[in-house]
Amino acid sequence: MGLTHVQFALLVDLWWFDSQGVRPSQRELAEHATVDVMMTSQVVRVLEVKGLLGREDDPADMRKKVLVITDEGRRLAERAAGVVEKVDREFFKVAGEHNALIDVLEQLAGVN
């Protein structure tokens, strides 16, 4: 899909923020994705060059920039998330429906 793991993580997190009607700052995106702020800065630049996101002035604070996912970024994030979910299901299906590891991972993720 033309994304590194970190690019995928940041793009999908930005897609999630967008679905919530939130335009995060670069720092807020880094914190949410648990990615180093400096690495986030570098990756955001790459995603911007690829046309997957943009930066805009924050209407509440003109000194601050917020990140905005583009239509192309939204489509790619949705497609990539679907592929990753499918791969996860395939990978973990060998563990069976009720597996202690899966149960713990779901608990940690807040699924159950």
Protein backbone atom coordinates (compact mmCIF):
# COMPACT_ATOMS: atom_id res chain seq x y z
CA MET A 1 0.00 0.00 0.00
CA GLY A 2 3.08 2.21 -0.06
CA LEU A 3 3.11 2.91 3.69
CA THR A 4 5.62 2.06 6.38
CA HIS A 5 4.26 0.80 9.69
CA VAL A 6 4.65 4.23 11.33
CA GLN A 7 3.05 5.99 8.35
CA PHE A 8 0.15 3.54 8.57
CA ALA A 9 -0.24 4.06 12.34
CA LEU A 10 -0.25 7.86 12.09
CA LEU A 11 -2.52 7.97 9.05
CA VAL A 12 -5.07 5.60 10.61
CA ASP A 13 -5.00 7.55 13.87
CA LEU A 14 -5.56 10.79 11.94
CA TRP A 15 -8.44 9.06 10.12
CA TRP A 16 -9.90 8.13 13.52
CA PHE A 17 -9.57 11.74 14.76
CA ASP A 18 -11.30 12.87 11.55
CA SER A 19 -14.18 10.45 12.18
CA GLN A 20 -14.60 12.08 15.61
CA GLY A 21 -14.66 15.57 14.09
CA VAL A 22 -11.30 16.44 15.68
CA ARG A 23 -8.34 18.09 13.99
CA PRO A 24 -5.34 17.23 16.14
CA SER A 25 -2.04 19.01 16.43
CA GLN A 26 1.05 17.06 15.49
CA ARG A 27 1.82 16.54 19.19
CA GLU A 28 -1.72 15.28 19.89
CA LEU A 29 -1.42 12.80 17.02
CA ALA A 30 1.97 11.61 18.29
CA GLU A 31 0.63 11.11 21.81
CA HIS A 32 -2.47 9.26 20.62
CA ALA A 33 -0.43 6.98 18.36
CA THR A 34 2.31 6.61 21.01
CA VAL A 35 4.93 7.62 18.47
CA ASP A 36 7.94 9.81 19.26
CA VAL A 37 7.21 13.49 18.52
CA MET A 38 10.33 13.92 16.35
CA MET A 39 9.53 10.80 14.32
CA THR A 40 5.95 12.00 13.96
CA SER A 41 7.23 15.29 12.57
CA GLN A 42 9.29 13.49 9.93
CA VAL A 43 6.51 11.08 8.99
CA VAL A 44 3.88 13.85 8.82
CA ARG A 45 6.10 15.66 6.30
CA VAL A 46 6.27 12.51 4.15
CA LEU A 47 2.49 11.97 4.36
CA GLU A 48 1.96 15.61 3.42
CA VAL A 49 4.21 15.26 0.35
CA LYS A 50 2.23 12.13 -0.63
CA GLY A 51 -0.95 14.22 -0.49
CA LEU A 52 -2.49 12.19 2.35
CA LEU A 53 -2.78 15.00 4.87
CA GLY A 54 -2.42 18.74 5.16
CA ARG A 55 -1.79 21.36 7.82
CA GLU A 56 -4.11 24.24 8.58
CA ASP A 57 -4.22 27.06 11.09
CA ASP A 58 -6.18 26.16 14.21
CA PRO A 59 -9.26 28.40 14.22
CA ALA A 60 -9.03 28.63 18.03
CA ASP A 61 -5.32 29.54 18.08
CA MET A 62 -3.73 31.00 14.97
CA ARG A 63 -0.25 30.18 16.30
CA LYS A 64 -1.06 26.47 16.20
CA LYS A 65 -1.32 24.16 13.19
CA VAL A 66 -3.71 21.22 13.03
CA LEU A 67 -3.56 18.18 10.79
CA VAL A 68 -6.29 17.44 8.27
CA ILE A 69 -6.62 14.18 6.37
CA THR A 70 -7.26 14.51 2.63
CA ASP A 71 -9.85 12.52 0.71
CA GLU A 72 -7.04 10.41 -0.73
CA GLY A 73 -5.64 9.86 2.77
CA ARG A 74 -9.06 8.87 4.06
CA ARG A 75 -9.51 6.31 1.27
CA LEU A 76 -6.03 4.84 1.80
CA ALA A 77 -6.44 4.69 5.59
CA GLU A 78 -9.75 2.86 5.27
CA ARG A 79 -8.35 0.41 2.72
CA ALA A 80 -5.14 -0.20 4.70
CA ALA A 81 -7.04 -0.70 7.99
CA GLY A 82 -9.23 -3.29 6.28
CA VAL A 83 -6.19 -5.18 5.00
CA VAL A 84 -4.51 -5.13 8.42
CA GLU A 85 -7.69 -6.34 10.15
CA LYS A 86 -8.01 -9.19 7.64
CA VAL A 87 -4.37 -10.21 8.15
CA ASP A 88 -4.84 -10.08 11.95
CA ARG A 89 -7.92 -12.32 11.73
CA GLU A 90 -6.10 -14.80 9.50
CA PHE A 91 -3.00 -14.82 11.70
CA PHE A 92 -4.86 -15.29 14.97
CA LYS A 93 -7.52 -17.73 13.75
CA VAL A 94 -5.13 -20.62 14.31
CA ALA A 95 -5.36 -19.84 18.03
CA GLY A 96 -9.06 -20.68 17.96
CA GLU A 97 -12.03 -18.62 19.01
CA HIS A 98 -11.30 -18.87 22.75
CA ASN A 99 -7.63 -18.46 23.46
CA ALA A 100 -6.04 -17.01 26.59
CA LEU A 101 -3.70 -14.76 24.60
CA ILE A 102 -6.55 -13.41 22.48
CA ASP A 103 -8.67 -12.88 25.62
CA VAL A 104 -5.87 -10.88 27.29
CA LEU A 105 -5.22 -8.82 24.16
CA GLU A 106 -8.93 -8.04 23.84
CA GLN A 107 -9.07 -7.03 27.50
CA LEU A 108 -6.08 -4.72 27.05
CA ALA A 109 -7.69 -3.21 23.97
CA GLY A 110 -10.95 -2.70 25.85
CA VAL A 111 -12.91 -4.90 23.47
CA ASN A 112 -14.56 -6.95 26.24
